[in-house]
Amino acid sequence: MVVPTGIGCAIGGYAGDALPSARLLAAASGCLITHPNVMNGASLYWKDPRIHYVEGYGLDRFAAGDWALRCVRQQRIGLLLDADLEPELRQRHLQVADGCRATLGIEIGPVVTSDVPLGVHLGLGQSGASWGTLERPDALLRAGERLKANGATAIAVVGRFPDDQGSEALEAYRHGSGVDAMAGAEAVISHLLVRHLQIPCAHAPALSALPLDPQLDPRAAGEELGYTFLACVLVGLSQAPTLVQRSAANSGDLVAADLGVLVVPEGSLGGEAALACLERRVPVISVANPSVLEVTSIALGVGSEVLQAGSYAEAAGLVLALREGVALSALMRPISALKELE
């Protein structure tokens, strides 16, 4: 299940609001691979042994057949803190990590602060999708290398993101419209680390607390329960699959050949995972889930190769039919009679 980040999807455009759909697809498939944008609900999260938490770059490499996924009982999560964090905000995130250790039994440590501020900047592309840049990607990689060298098998990053309280974009987002302005920059951070280190990584933005808004959209509510997005990241990474080269895969590892179907928003078929599945003839289900992108099956000229679903509930039914070997044509009406070849 892929829901690209930072494109304003009606489902999946907020922190964790695609989780109910993921739970349904996990039940229908018996094994769901998805990424932090789907699973991260800020202070809220959901554990399901049928759901595998794989960062987006790693998921693309898996779908393309380059990497395999190895299930583990526990990851040791290194915590990477941005040097730009104010003392109080830094302490709050350390307390979240300690809370997850004491309450949830997650193994966390070591902790490393970047040698200079990462310098996160946010922006919007012409399409309306969010993106971002780092002034010091070298500092991010050095800190990640240090964590891995000291025993971390996964990395949670806390970057200091710009506060934009009072902006029109933030107000629109809190009230249910617009695009998550932070998502593009978050993807830059996690993609860079996963590509460089080939271990599970995910990002939690650090921000000042927002004032109470009685008119808050329910999809934004999970993001405003506390000071941090870190708890869901630590839970997700705690049992995230280890990323291994396909050539080093064992018999029990998940590989691209095991992939039965891809579920993706209808306007987001231009991503690497979707294109890889289309090329390898893996069934693709395109779900009606509006966003700022319009890379549809029609636009790509593959309309006849993609299954259409009006909702994630309908997509779950298609997944279940594929899993059970039920011909999809038998579920539709009318059913045309068989004709002998001339």
C-alpha atoms as a PDB file:
ATOM      1  CA  MET A   1       0.000   0.000   0.000  1.00  0.00           C
ATOM      2  CA  VAL A   2       1.499   3.277  -1.137  1.00  0.00           C
ATOM      3  CA  VAL A   3       0.116   6.734  -0.357  1.00  0.00           C
ATOM      4  CA  PRO A   4       2.732   9.266  -1.509  1.00  0.00           C
ATOM      5  CA  THR A   5       3.526  11.960   1.019  1.00  0.00           C
ATOM      6  CA  GLY A   6       3.051  15.689   0.579  1.00  0.00           C
ATOM      7  CA  ILE A   7       0.484  15.583  -2.244  1.00  0.00           C
ATOM      8  CA  GLY A   8      -2.658  16.254  -0.217  1.00  0.00           C
ATOM      9  CA  CYS A   9      -4.393  12.880  -0.572  1.00  0.00           C
ATOM     10  CA  ALA A  10      -7.927  12.899   0.846  1.00  0.00           C
ATOM     11  CA  ILE A  11      -6.934   9.706   2.704  1.00  0.00           C
ATOM     12  CA  GLY A  12      -3.311   9.712   3.813  1.00  0.00           C
ATOM     13  CA  GLY A  13      -2.739  13.444   3.550  1.00  0.00           C
ATOM     14  CA  TYR A  14      -2.685  13.790   7.339  1.00  0.00           C
ATOM     15  CA  ALA A  15      -0.691  12.036  10.053  1.00  0.00           C
ATOM     16  CA  GLY A  16      -2.096   8.527  10.286  1.00  0.00           C
ATOM     17  CA  ASP A  17      -5.486   9.054   8.653  1.00  0.00           C
ATOM     18  CA  ALA A  18      -4.759   6.187   6.222  1.00  0.00           C
ATOM     19  CA  LEU A  19      -4.261   3.776   9.131  1.00  0.00           C
ATOM     20  CA  PRO A  20      -7.840   2.404   9.103  1.00  0.00           C
ATOM     21  CA  SER A  21      -7.471   1.613   5.394  1.00  0.00           C
ATOM     22  CA  ALA A  22      -4.115  -0.062   6.044  1.00  0.00           C
ATOM     23  CA  ARG A  23      -5.633  -2.211   8.787  1.00  0.00           C
ATOM     24  CA  LEU A  24      -8.386  -3.304   6.405  1.00  0.00           C
ATOM     25  CA  LEU A  25      -5.925  -4.142   3.610  1.00  0.00           C
ATOM     26  CA  ALA A  26      -3.741  -6.059   6.090  1.00  0.00           C
ATOM     27  CA  ALA A  27      -6.730  -8.176   7.083  1.00  0.00           C
ATOM     28  CA  ALA A  28      -7.682  -8.779   3.451  1.00  0.00           C
ATOM     29  CA  SER A  29      -4.162  -9.658   2.299  1.00  0.00           C
ATOM     30  CA  GLY A  30      -2.675 -11.335   5.374  1.00  0.00           C
ATOM     31  CA  CYS A  31       0.579  -9.434   4.754  1.00  0.00           C
ATOM     32  CA  LEU A  32       0.797  -5.714   4.024  1.00  0.00           C
ATOM     33  CA  ILE A  33       3.946  -3.743   3.226  1.00  0.00           C
ATOM     34  CA  THR A  34       3.519   0.004   3.618  1.00  0.00           C
ATOM     35  CA  HIS A  35       5.480   3.083   4.643  1.00  0.00           C
ATOM     36  CA  PRO A  36       5.637   5.654   7.472  1.00  0.00           C
ATOM     37  CA  ASN A  37       3.333   8.169   5.762  1.00  0.00           C
ATOM     38  CA  VAL A  38       0.532   5.612   6.089  1.00  0.00           C
ATOM     39  CA  MET A  39       1.349   4.411   9.603  1.00  0.00           C
ATOM     40  CA  ASN A  40       2.593   7.496  11.479  1.00  0.00           C
ATOM     41  CA  GLY A  41      -0.177   9.122  13.518  1.00  0.00           C
ATOM     42  CA  ALA A  42       1.964  11.468  15.677  1.00  0.00           C
ATOM     43  CA  SER A  43       1.062  10.439  19.233  1.00  0.00           C
ATOM     44  CA  LEU A  44      -1.183   7.667  17.846  1.00  0.00           C
ATOM     45  CA  TYR A  45      -0.103   4.397  16.255  1.00  0.00           C
ATOM     46  CA  TRP A  46      -1.253   0.830  15.637  1.00  0.00           C
ATOM     47  CA  LYS A  47       0.714  -2.395  15.890  1.00  0.00           C
ATOM     48  CA  ASP A  48      -0.250  -5.301  13.632  1.00  0.00           C
ATOM     49  CA  PRO A  49       2.079  -8.244  12.934  1.00  0.00           C
ATOM     50  CA  ARG A  50       0.646  -8.403   9.414  1.00  0.00           C
ATOM     51  CA  ILE A  51       1.867  -4.871   8.598  1.00  0.00           C
ATOM     52  CA  HIS A  52       5.509  -4.253   7.655  1.00  0.00           C
ATOM     53  CA  TYR A  53       6.799  -0.693   8.175  1.00  0.00           C
ATOM     54  CA  VAL A  54       9.199   0.155   5.317  1.00  0.00           C
ATOM     55  CA  GLU A  55      10.489   3.657   4.529  1.00  0.00           C
ATOM     56  CA  GLY A  56       9.543   4.908   1.064  1.00  0.00           C
ATOM     57  CA  TYR A  57      12.954   4.628  -0.593  1.00  0.00           C
ATOM     58  CA  GLY A  58      13.342   1.100   0.788  1.00  0.00           C
ATOM     59  CA  LEU A  59       9.860   0.215  -0.425  1.00  0.00           C
ATOM     60  CA  ASP A  60      10.759   1.409  -3.942  1.00  0.00           C
ATOM     61  CA  ARG A  61      13.944  -0.679  -3.915  1.00  0.00           C
ATOM     62  CA  PHE A  62      11.932  -3.693  -2.745  1.00  0.00           C
ATOM     63  CA  ALA A  63       9.300  -3.276  -5.477  1.00  0.00           C
ATOM     64  CA  ALA A  64      12.036  -2.890  -8.100  1.00  0.00           C
ATOM     65  CA  GLY A  65      13.614  -6.160  -6.939  1.00  0.00           C
ATOM     66  CA  ASP A  66      16.870  -4.677  -5.632  1.00  0.00           C
ATOM     67  CA  TRP A  67      16.313  -5.235  -1.902  1.00  0.00           C
ATOM     68  CA  ALA A  68      14.638  -7.905   0.208  1.00  0.00           C
ATOM     69  CA  LEU A  69      12.868  -7.507   3.564  1.00  0.00           C
ATOM     70  CA  ARG A  70      13.915  -9.612   6.560  1.00  0.00           C
ATOM     71  CA  CYS A  71      11.486  -9.752   9.479  1.00  0.00           C
ATOM     72  CA  VAL A  72      13.024  -9.255  12.925  1.00  0.00           C
ATOM     73  CA  ARG A  73      11.750  -9.402  16.499  1.00  0.00           C
ATOM     74  CA  GLN A  74      13.397  -6.135  17.511  1.00  0.00           C
ATOM     75  CA  GLN A  75      15.438  -3.270  16.098  1.00  0.00           C
ATOM     76  CA  ARG A  76      17.815  -1.165  18.156  1.00  0.00           C
ATOM     77  CA  ILE A  77      16.763   2.385  17.329  1.00  0.00           C
ATOM     78  CA  GLY A  78      19.388   5.105  17.279  1.00  0.00           C
ATOM     79  CA  LEU A  79      17.997   8.581  17.965  1.00  0.00           C
ATOM     80  CA  LEU A  80      19.350  11.397  15.779  1.00  0.00           C
ATOM     81  CA  LEU A  81      18.628  14.893  17.095  1.00  0.00           C
ATOM     82  CA  ASP A  82      19.018  18.095  15.092  1.00  0.00           C
ATOM     83  CA  ALA A  83      21.509  20.511  16.687  1.00  0.00           C
ATOM     84  CA  ASP A  84      18.947  23.257  16.020  1.00  0.00           C
ATOM     85  CA  LEU A  85      16.560  21.918  18.703  1.00  0.00           C
ATOM     86  CA  GLU A  86      15.977  24.301  21.618  1.00  0.00           C
ATOM     87  CA  PRO A  87      16.892  22.809  25.029  1.00  0.00           C
ATOM     88  CA  GLU A  88      13.263  22.342  26.138  1.00  0.00           C
ATOM     89  CA  LEU A  89      12.176  20.793  22.836  1.00  0.00           C
ATOM     90  CA  ARG A  90      15.201  18.499  22.888  1.00  0.00           C
ATOM     91  CA  GLN A  91      14.388  17.378  26.435  1.00  0.00           C
ATOM     92  CA  ARG A  92      10.760  16.677  25.561  1.00  0.00           C
ATOM     93  CA  HIS A  93      11.825  14.357  22.745  1.00  0.00           C
ATOM     94  CA  LEU A  94      14.287  12.551  24.999  1.00  0.00           C
ATOM     95  CA  GLN A  95      11.440  12.052  27.474  1.00  0.00           C
ATOM     96  CA  VAL A  96       9.240  10.615  24.725  1.00  0.00           C
ATOM     97  CA  ALA A  97      12.010   8.131  23.921  1.00  0.00           C
ATOM     98  CA  ASP A  98      12.382   7.241  27.605  1.00  0.00           C
ATOM     99  CA  GLY A  99       8.607   6.816  27.847  1.00  0.00           C
ATOM    100  CA  CYS A 100       8.625   4.396  24.912  1.00  0.00           C
ATOM    101  CA  ARG A 101      11.460   2.448  26.544  1.00  0.00           C
ATOM    102  CA  ALA A 102       9.739   2.203  29.908  1.00  0.00           C
ATOM    103  CA  THR A 103       6.140   1.748  28.762  1.00  0.00           C
ATOM    104  CA  LEU A 104       6.429  -0.113  25.453  1.00  0.00           C
ATOM    105  CA  GLY A 105       9.706  -1.988  25.917  1.00  0.00           C
ATOM    106  CA  ILE A 106      11.338  -0.527  22.804  1.00  0.00           C
ATOM    107  CA  GLU A 107      15.132  -0.651  22.644  1.00  0.00           C
ATOM    108  CA  ILE A 108      16.412   2.861  21.976  1.00  0.00           C
ATOM    109  CA  GLY A 109      19.976   4.136  21.877  1.00  0.00           C
ATOM    110  CA  PRO A 110      22.500   5.461  21.282  1.00  0.00           C
ATOM    111  CA  VAL A 111      21.515   9.131  20.989  1.00  0.00           C
ATOM    112  CA  VAL A 112      23.501  11.498  18.755  1.00  0.00           C
ATOM    113  CA  THR A 113      23.088  15.220  18.043  1.00  0.00           C
ATOM    114  CA  SER A 114      24.201  16.495  14.634  1.00  0.00           C
ATOM    115  CA  ASP A 115      27.426  18.505  14.792  1.00  0.00           C
ATOM    116  CA  VAL A 116      25.713  21.490  13.116  1.00  0.00           C
ATOM    117  CA  PRO A 117      22.026  22.366  12.535  1.00  0.00           C
ATOM    118  CA  LEU A 118      20.489  20.476   9.609  1.00  0.00           C
ATOM    119  CA  GLY A 119      18.862  23.628   8.235  1.00  0.00           C
ATOM    120  CA  VAL A 120      15.440  22.402   7.090  1.00  0.00           C
ATOM    121  CA  HIS A 121      13.592  24.571   4.544  1.00  0.00           C
ATOM    122  CA  LEU A 122      10.062  23.969   3.218  1.00  0.00           C
ATOM    123  CA  GLY A 123       8.515  24.729  -0.142  1.00  0.00           C
ATOM    124  CA  LEU A 124       5.727  23.898  -2.598  1.00  0.00           C
ATOM    125  CA  GLY A 125       6.201  22.780  -6.180  1.00  0.00           C
ATOM    126  CA  GLN A 126       4.185  24.030  -9.160  1.00  0.00           C
ATOM    127  CA  SER A 127       1.837  21.068  -8.791  1.00  0.00           C
ATOM    128  CA  GLY A 128       1.080  22.047  -5.199  1.00  0.00           C
ATOM    129  CA  ALA A 129       3.035  19.113  -3.737  1.00  0.00           C
ATOM    130  CA  SER A 130       5.297  19.919  -0.795  1.00  0.00           C
ATOM    131  CA  TRP A 131       9.045  19.572  -0.974  1.00  0.00           C
ATOM    132  CA  GLY A 132      12.029  20.665   1.078  1.00  0.00           C
ATOM    133  CA  THR A 133      15.781  21.081   1.304  1.00  0.00           C
ATOM    134  CA  LEU A 134      18.554  20.615   3.859  1.00  0.00           C
ATOM    135  CA  GLU A 135      21.378  23.092   4.223  1.00  0.00           C
ATOM    136  CA  ARG A 136      23.647  20.437   5.721  1.00  0.00           C
ATOM    137  CA  PRO A 137      22.876  16.938   4.441  1.00  0.00           C
ATOM    138  CA  ASP A 138      26.483  16.062   5.272  1.00  0.00           C
ATOM    139  CA  ALA A 139      25.740  16.607   8.976  1.00  0.00           C
ATOM    140  CA  LEU A 140      22.740  14.271   8.732  1.00  0.00           C
ATOM    141  CA  LEU A 141      24.833  11.526   7.128  1.00  0.00           C
ATOM    142  CA  ARG A 142      27.700  11.893   9.600  1.00  0.00           C
ATOM    143  CA  ALA A 143      25.325  11.541  12.538  1.00  0.00           C
ATOM    144  CA  GLY A 144      23.649   8.538  10.906  1.00  0.00           C
ATOM    145  CA  GLU A 145      26.995   6.868  10.258  1.00  0.00           C
ATOM    146  CA  ARG A 146      27.972   7.416  13.901  1.00  0.00           C
ATOM    147  CA  LEU A 147      24.748   5.809  15.131  1.00  0.00           C
ATOM    148  CA  LYS A 148      25.154   2.780  12.860  1.00  0.00           C
ATOM    149  CA  ALA A 149      28.800   2.386  13.894  1.00  0.00           C
ATOM    150  CA  ASN A 150      27.696   2.335  17.540  1.00  0.00           C
ATOM    151  CA  GLY A 151      25.167  -0.458  17.127  1.00  0.00           C
ATOM    152  CA  ALA A 152      21.956   1.159  15.885  1.00  0.00           C
ATOM    153  CA  THR A 153      20.050  -1.077  13.461  1.00  0.00           C
ATOM    154  CA  ALA A 154      17.395   1.582  12.713  1.00  0.00           C
ATOM    155  CA  ILE A 155      17.351   5.380  13.028  1.00  0.00           C
ATOM    156  CA  ALA A 156      14.685   7.834  14.185  1.00  0.00           C
ATOM    157  CA  VAL A 157      15.454  11.429  13.204  1.00  0.00           C
ATOM    158  CA  VAL A 158      14.079  14.505  14.978  1.00  0.00           C
ATOM    159  CA  GLY A 159      14.641  17.560  12.802  1.00  0.00           C
ATOM    160  CA  ARG A 160      13.784  21.130  13.834  1.00  0.00           C
ATOM    161  CA  PHE A 161      11.218  22.298  11.296  1.00  0.00           C
ATOM    162  CA  PRO A 162      10.241  25.944  10.715  1.00  0.00           C
ATOM    163  CA  ASP A 163       7.231  27.169  12.679  1.00  0.00           C
ATOM    164  CA  ASP A 164       4.606  28.829  10.487  1.00  0.00           C
ATOM    165  CA  GLN A 165       1.938  29.586  13.068  1.00  0.00           C
ATOM    166  CA  GLY A 166      -0.716  31.898  11.719  1.00  0.00           C
ATOM    167  CA  SER A 167       0.038  31.205   8.056  1.00  0.00           C
ATOM    168  CA  GLU A 168      -2.858  30.695   5.653  1.00  0.00           C
ATOM    169  CA  ALA A 169      -1.459  27.328   4.548  1.00  0.00           C
ATOM    170  CA  LEU A 170      -1.313  26.005   8.111  1.00  0.00           C
ATOM    171  CA  GLU A 171      -4.795  27.263   8.926  1.00  0.00           C
ATOM    172  CA  ALA A 172      -6.178  25.620   5.785  1.00  0.00           C
ATOM    173  CA  TYR A 173      -4.443  22.353   6.647  1.00  0.00           C
ATOM    174  CA  ARG A 174      -5.736  22.343  10.234  1.00  0.00           C
ATOM    175  CA  HIS A 175      -9.254  22.909   8.882  1.00  0.00           C
ATOM    176  CA  GLY A 176      -9.137  20.075   6.362  1.00  0.00           C
ATOM    177  CA  SER A 177      -7.743  21.407   3.091  1.00  0.00           C
ATOM    178  CA  GLY A 178      -4.354  21.945   1.511  1.00  0.00           C
ATOM    179  CA  VAL A 179      -1.155  19.913   1.652  1.00  0.00           C
ATOM    180  CA  ASP A 180       1.053  18.849   4.558  1.00  0.00           C
ATOM    181  CA  ALA A 181       3.870  21.382   4.161  1.00  0.00           C
ATOM    182  CA  MET A 182       6.361  19.285   6.142  1.00  0.00           C
ATOM    183  CA  ALA A 183       5.966  16.013   4.260  1.00  0.00           C
ATOM    184  CA  GLY A 184       8.268  16.712   1.319  1.00  0.00           C
ATOM    185  CA  ALA A 185      11.199  17.690   3.521  1.00  0.00           C
ATOM    186  CA  GLU A 186      10.603  14.669   5.757  1.00  0.00           C
ATOM    187  CA  ALA A 187      10.865  12.401   2.729  1.00  0.00           C
ATOM    188  CA  VAL A 188      14.172  14.029   1.739  1.00  0.00           C
ATOM    189  CA  ILE A 189      15.627  13.266   5.185  1.00  0.00           C
ATOM    190  CA  SER A 190      14.493   9.639   5.423  1.00  0.00           C
ATOM    191  CA  HIS A 191      15.251   8.793   1.765  1.00  0.00           C
ATOM    192  CA  LEU A 192      18.775  10.172   2.096  1.00  0.00           C
ATOM    193  CA  LEU A 193      19.575   8.132   5.194  1.00  0.00           C
ATOM    194  CA  VAL A 194      18.052   4.883   3.901  1.00  0.00           C
ATOM    195  CA  ARG A 195      19.855   5.235   0.586  1.00  0.00           C
ATOM    196  CA  HIS A 196      23.178   5.917   2.325  1.00  0.00           C
ATOM    197  CA  LEU A 197      22.995   3.441   5.219  1.00  0.00           C
ATOM    198  CA  GLN A 198      20.502   0.781   3.996  1.00  0.00           C
ATOM    199  CA  ILE A 199      18.846   0.492   7.414  1.00  0.00           C
ATOM    200  CA  PRO A 200      15.267   1.422   8.423  1.00  0.00           C
ATOM    201  CA  CYS A 201      14.822   5.140   9.094  1.00  0.00           C
ATOM    202  CA  ALA A 202      11.911   7.482   9.728  1.00  0.00           C
ATOM    203  CA  HIS A 203      11.546  11.135  10.658  1.00  0.00           C
ATOM    204  CA  ALA A 204       9.640  13.058  13.323  1.00  0.00           C
ATOM    205  CA  PRO A 205       9.446  16.848  12.923  1.00  0.00           C
ATOM    206  CA  ALA A 206      10.038  19.024  15.995  1.00  0.00           C
ATOM    207  CA  LEU A 207       7.747  22.051  16.227  1.00  0.00           C
ATOM    208  CA  SER A 208       6.468  24.494  18.796  1.00  0.00           C
ATOM    209  CA  ALA A 209       3.048  23.569  20.195  1.00  0.00           C
ATOM    210  CA  LEU A 210       0.097  25.169  18.398  1.00  0.00           C
ATOM    211  CA  PRO A 211      -2.677  27.092  20.160  1.00  0.00           C
ATOM    212  CA  LEU A 212      -5.992  25.318  20.711  1.00  0.00           C
ATOM    213  CA  ASP A 213      -8.355  25.421  17.716  1.00  0.00           C
ATOM    214  CA  PRO A 214     -11.981  24.402  18.445  1.00  0.00           C
ATOM    215  CA  GLN A 215     -12.664  24.057  14.686  1.00  0.00           C
ATOM    216  CA  LEU A 216      -9.908  21.507  14.071  1.00  0.00           C
ATOM    217  CA  ASP A 217     -10.512  18.941  11.337  1.00  0.00           C
ATOM    218  CA  PRO A 218     -10.637  15.409  12.845  1.00  0.00           C
ATOM    219  CA  ARG A 219      -7.853  14.284  10.493  1.00  0.00           C
ATOM    220  CA  ALA A 220      -5.508  16.871  12.024  1.00  0.00           C
ATOM    221  CA  ALA A 221      -6.431  16.093  15.633  1.00  0.00           C
ATOM    222  CA  GLY A 222      -3.889  13.291  16.087  1.00  0.00           C
ATOM    223  CA  GLU A 223      -1.076  15.733  15.307  1.00  0.00           C
ATOM    224  CA  GLU A 224      -2.013  18.076  18.158  1.00  0.00           C
ATOM    225  CA  LEU A 225      -2.218  15.736  21.136  1.00  0.00           C
ATOM    226  CA  GLY A 226       1.236  16.690  22.380  1.00  0.00           C
ATOM    227  CA  TYR A 227       4.581  18.222  21.534  1.00  0.00           C
ATOM    228  CA  THR A 228       5.925  15.408  19.439  1.00  0.00           C
ATOM    229  CA  PHE A 229       5.527  13.092  16.456  1.00  0.00           C
ATOM    230  CA  LEU A 230       8.226  10.771  17.756  1.00  0.00           C
ATOM    231  CA  ALA A 231       6.207   8.038  19.507  1.00  0.00           C
ATOM    232  CA  CYS A 232       4.669   6.580  16.327  1.00  0.00           C
ATOM    233  CA  VAL A 233       8.075   6.592  14.598  1.00  0.00           C
ATOM    234  CA  LEU A 234       9.691   4.635  17.438  1.00  0.00           C
ATOM    235  CA  VAL A 235       6.846   2.096  17.475  1.00  0.00           C
ATOM    236  CA  GLY A 236       7.027   1.653  13.700  1.00  0.00           C
ATOM    237  CA  LEU A 237      10.798   1.261  13.615  1.00  0.00           C
ATOM    238  CA  SER A 238      10.884  -1.116  16.611  1.00  0.00           C
ATOM    239  CA  GLN A 239      10.070  -4.123  14.398  1.00  0.00           C
ATOM    240  CA  ALA A 240      10.630  -2.691  10.919  1.00  0.00           C
ATOM    241  CA  PRO A 241      12.062  -5.269   8.500  1.00  0.00           C
ATOM    242  CA  THR A 242      15.812  -5.230   7.971  1.00  0.00           C
ATOM    243  CA  LEU A 243      16.797  -4.161   4.449  1.00  0.00           C
ATOM    244  CA  VAL A 244      19.105  -6.607   2.658  1.00  0.00           C
ATOM    245  CA  GLN A 245      20.468  -6.840  -0.852  1.00  0.00           C
ATOM    246  CA  ARG A 246      18.403  -9.211  -3.002  1.00  0.00           C
ATOM    247  CA  SER A 247      21.526 -11.264  -3.709  1.00  0.00           C
ATOM    248  CA  ALA A 248      21.929 -11.874   0.053  1.00  0.00           C
ATOM    249  CA  ALA A 249      18.294 -12.835   0.710  1.00  0.00           C
ATOM    250  CA  ASN A 250      17.446 -15.968   2.672  1.00  0.00           C
ATOM    251  CA  SER A 251      14.576 -18.328   1.957  1.00  0.00           C
ATOM    252  CA  GLY A 252      12.339 -16.675   4.561  1.00  0.00           C
ATOM    253  CA  ASP A 253      12.887 -13.100   3.364  1.00  0.00           C
ATOM    254  CA  LEU A 254      10.249 -11.181   1.426  1.00  0.00           C
ATOM    255  CA  VAL A 255      11.284 -10.433  -2.156  1.00  0.00           C
ATOM    256  CA  ALA A 256       9.606  -8.655  -5.056  1.00  0.00           C
ATOM    257  CA  ALA A 257       8.422 -11.974  -6.492  1.00  0.00           C
ATOM    258  CA  ASP A 258       6.250 -12.398  -3.386  1.00  0.00           C
ATOM    259  CA  LEU A 259       4.337  -9.194  -4.139  1.00  0.00           C
ATOM    260  CA  GLY A 260       0.750 -10.010  -5.041  1.00  0.00           C
ATOM    261  CA  VAL A 261      -0.791  -6.597  -5.635  1.00  0.00           C
ATOM    262  CA  LEU A 262      -0.073  -2.878  -5.264  1.00  0.00           C
ATOM    263  CA  VAL A 263      -2.734  -0.475  -3.954  1.00  0.00           C
ATOM    264  CA  VAL A 264      -2.098   3.180  -4.841  1.00  0.00           C
ATOM    265  CA  PRO A 265      -4.129   6.422  -5.231  1.00  0.00           C
ATOM    266  CA  GLU A 266      -5.489   6.897  -8.733  1.00  0.00           C
ATOM    267  CA  GLY A 267      -3.437  10.037  -9.449  1.00  0.00           C
ATOM    268  CA  SER A 268      -0.141   8.649  -8.127  1.00  0.00           C
ATOM    269  CA  LEU A 269       0.801   5.977 -10.634  1.00  0.00           C
ATOM    270  CA  GLY A 270       4.055   7.724 -11.580  1.00  0.00           C
ATOM    271  CA  GLY A 271       5.974   6.596  -8.496  1.00  0.00           C
ATOM    272  CA  GLU A 272       8.838   4.114  -8.769  1.00  0.00           C
ATOM    273  CA  ALA A 273       7.005   1.308  -6.953  1.00  0.00           C
ATOM    274  CA  ALA A 274       3.936   1.671  -9.188  1.00  0.00           C
ATOM    275  CA  LEU A 275       5.977   1.754 -12.390  1.00  0.00           C
ATOM    276  CA  ALA A 276       8.002  -1.270 -11.277  1.00  0.00           C
ATOM    277  CA  CYS A 277       4.814  -3.237 -10.594  1.00  0.00           C
ATOM    278  CA  LEU A 278       3.291  -2.258 -13.942  1.00  0.00           C
ATOM    279  CA  GLU A 279       6.479  -3.324 -15.728  1.00  0.00           C
ATOM    280  CA  ARG A 280       6.558  -6.697 -13.933  1.00  0.00           C
ATOM    281  CA  ARG A 281       2.815  -7.317 -14.466  1.00  0.00           C
ATOM    282  CA  VAL A 282       2.012  -7.246 -10.754  1.00  0.00           C
ATOM    283  CA  PRO A 283      -1.702  -6.391 -10.374  1.00  0.00           C
ATOM    284  CA  VAL A 284      -2.211  -2.717  -9.537  1.00  0.00           C
ATOM    285  CA  ILE A 285      -5.357  -1.381  -7.871  1.00  0.00           C
ATOM    286  CA  SER A 286      -5.953   2.330  -8.394  1.00  0.00           C
ATOM    287  CA  VAL A 287      -8.108   3.807  -5.602  1.00  0.00           C
ATOM    288  CA  ALA A 288     -10.207   6.962  -5.864  1.00  0.00           C
ATOM    289  CA  ASN A 289      -8.227   9.129  -3.424  1.00  0.00           C
ATOM    290  CA  PRO A 290      -7.958  12.692  -4.805  1.00  0.00           C
ATOM    291  CA  SER A 291      -4.703  14.652  -4.500  1.00  0.00           C
ATOM    292  CA  VAL A 292      -2.871  17.453  -6.310  1.00  0.00           C
ATOM    293  CA  LEU A 293      -1.398  14.911  -8.759  1.00  0.00           C
ATOM    294  CA  GLU A 294      -3.162  13.506 -11.816  1.00  0.00           C
ATOM    295  CA  VAL A 295      -0.801  10.761 -12.977  1.00  0.00           C
ATOM    296  CA  THR A 296      -3.611   8.325 -13.719  1.00  0.00           C
ATOM    297  CA  SER A 297      -3.692   5.062 -15.640  1.00  0.00           C
ATOM    298  CA  ILE A 298      -5.290   6.933 -18.555  1.00  0.00           C
ATOM    299  CA  ALA A 299      -2.525   9.556 -18.536  1.00  0.00           C
ATOM    300  CA  LEU A 300       0.085   6.770 -18.613  1.00  0.00           C
ATOM    301  CA  GLY A 301      -1.757   4.819 -21.314  1.00  0.00           C
ATOM    302  CA  VAL A 302      -2.208   1.727 -19.125  1.00  0.00           C
ATOM    303  CA  GLY A 303      -5.921   2.020 -18.373  1.00  0.00           C
ATOM    304  CA  SER A 304      -6.657  -1.591 -19.343  1.00  0.00           C
ATOM    305  CA  GLU A 305      -3.871  -2.900 -17.064  1.00  0.00           C
ATOM    306  CA  VAL A 306      -5.053  -1.268 -13.824  1.00  0.00           C
ATOM    307  CA  LEU A 307      -7.953  -2.332 -11.615  1.00  0.00           C
ATOM    308  CA  GLN A 308     -10.166   0.548 -10.453  1.00  0.00           C
ATOM    309  CA  ALA A 309     -11.608   0.853  -6.936  1.00  0.00           C
ATOM    310  CA  GLY A 310     -13.919   3.565  -5.675  1.00  0.00           C
ATOM    311  CA  SER A 311     -12.696   3.252  -2.078  1.00  0.00           C
ATOM    312  CA  TYR A 312     -10.228   1.361   0.092  1.00  0.00           C
ATOM    313  CA  ALA A 313     -13.102  -0.862   1.197  1.00  0.00           C
ATOM    314  CA  GLU A 314     -13.645  -1.852  -2.446  1.00  0.00           C
ATOM    315  CA  ALA A 315      -9.869  -2.281  -2.897  1.00  0.00           C
ATOM    316  CA  ALA A 316      -9.836  -4.668   0.084  1.00  0.00           C
ATOM    317  CA  GLY A 317     -12.537  -6.725  -1.624  1.00  0.00           C
ATOM    318  CA  LEU A 318     -10.440  -6.912  -4.804  1.00  0.00           C
ATOM    319  CA  VAL A 319      -7.367  -7.923  -2.774  1.00  0.00           C
ATOM    320  CA  LEU A 320      -9.364 -10.660  -1.066  1.00  0.00           C
ATOM    321  CA  ALA A 321     -10.654 -11.942  -4.412  1.00  0.00           C
ATOM    322  CA  LEU A 322      -7.126 -12.051  -5.834  1.00  0.00           C
ATOM    323  CA  ARG A 323      -5.863 -13.799  -2.689  1.00  0.00           C
ATOM    324  CA  GLU A 324      -8.600 -16.450  -2.862  1.00  0.00           C
ATOM    325  CA  GLY A 325      -8.347 -16.964  -6.617  1.00  0.00           C
ATOM    326  CA  VAL A 326     -11.852 -15.686  -7.363  1.00  0.00           C
ATOM    327  CA  ALA A 327     -12.145 -14.406 -10.934  1.00  0.00           C
ATOM    328  CA  LEU A 328     -12.998 -10.719 -10.752  1.00  0.00           C
ATOM    329  CA  SER A 329     -15.231 -11.039 -13.830  1.00  0.00           C
ATOM    330  CA  ALA A 330     -17.456 -13.424 -11.861  1.00  0.00           C
ATOM    331  CA  LEU A 331     -18.203 -10.638  -9.379  1.00  0.00           C
ATOM    332  CA  MET A 332     -19.434  -8.207 -12.054  1.00  0.00           C
ATOM    333  CA  ARG A 333     -22.706  -7.981 -13.938  1.00  0.00           C
ATOM    334  CA  PRO A 334     -23.554  -8.652 -16.661  1.00  0.00           C
ATOM    335  CA  ILE A 335     -21.440 -11.757 -17.355  1.00  0.00           C
ATOM    336  CA  SER A 336     -20.823 -12.295 -21.042  1.00  0.00           C
ATOM    337  CA  ALA A 337     -21.096 -15.792 -22.488  1.00  0.00           C
ATOM    338  CA  LEU A 338     -17.966 -17.650 -23.543  1.00  0.00           C
ATOM    339  CA  LYS A 339     -17.174 -17.642 -27.261  1.00  0.00           C
ATOM    340  CA  GLU A 340     -15.095 -20.123 -29.147  1.00  0.00           C
ATOM    341  CA  LEU A 341     -12.059 -18.796 -31.012  1.00  0.00           C
ATOM    342  CA  GLU A 342     -12.578 -18.640 -34.770  1.00  0.00           C
END
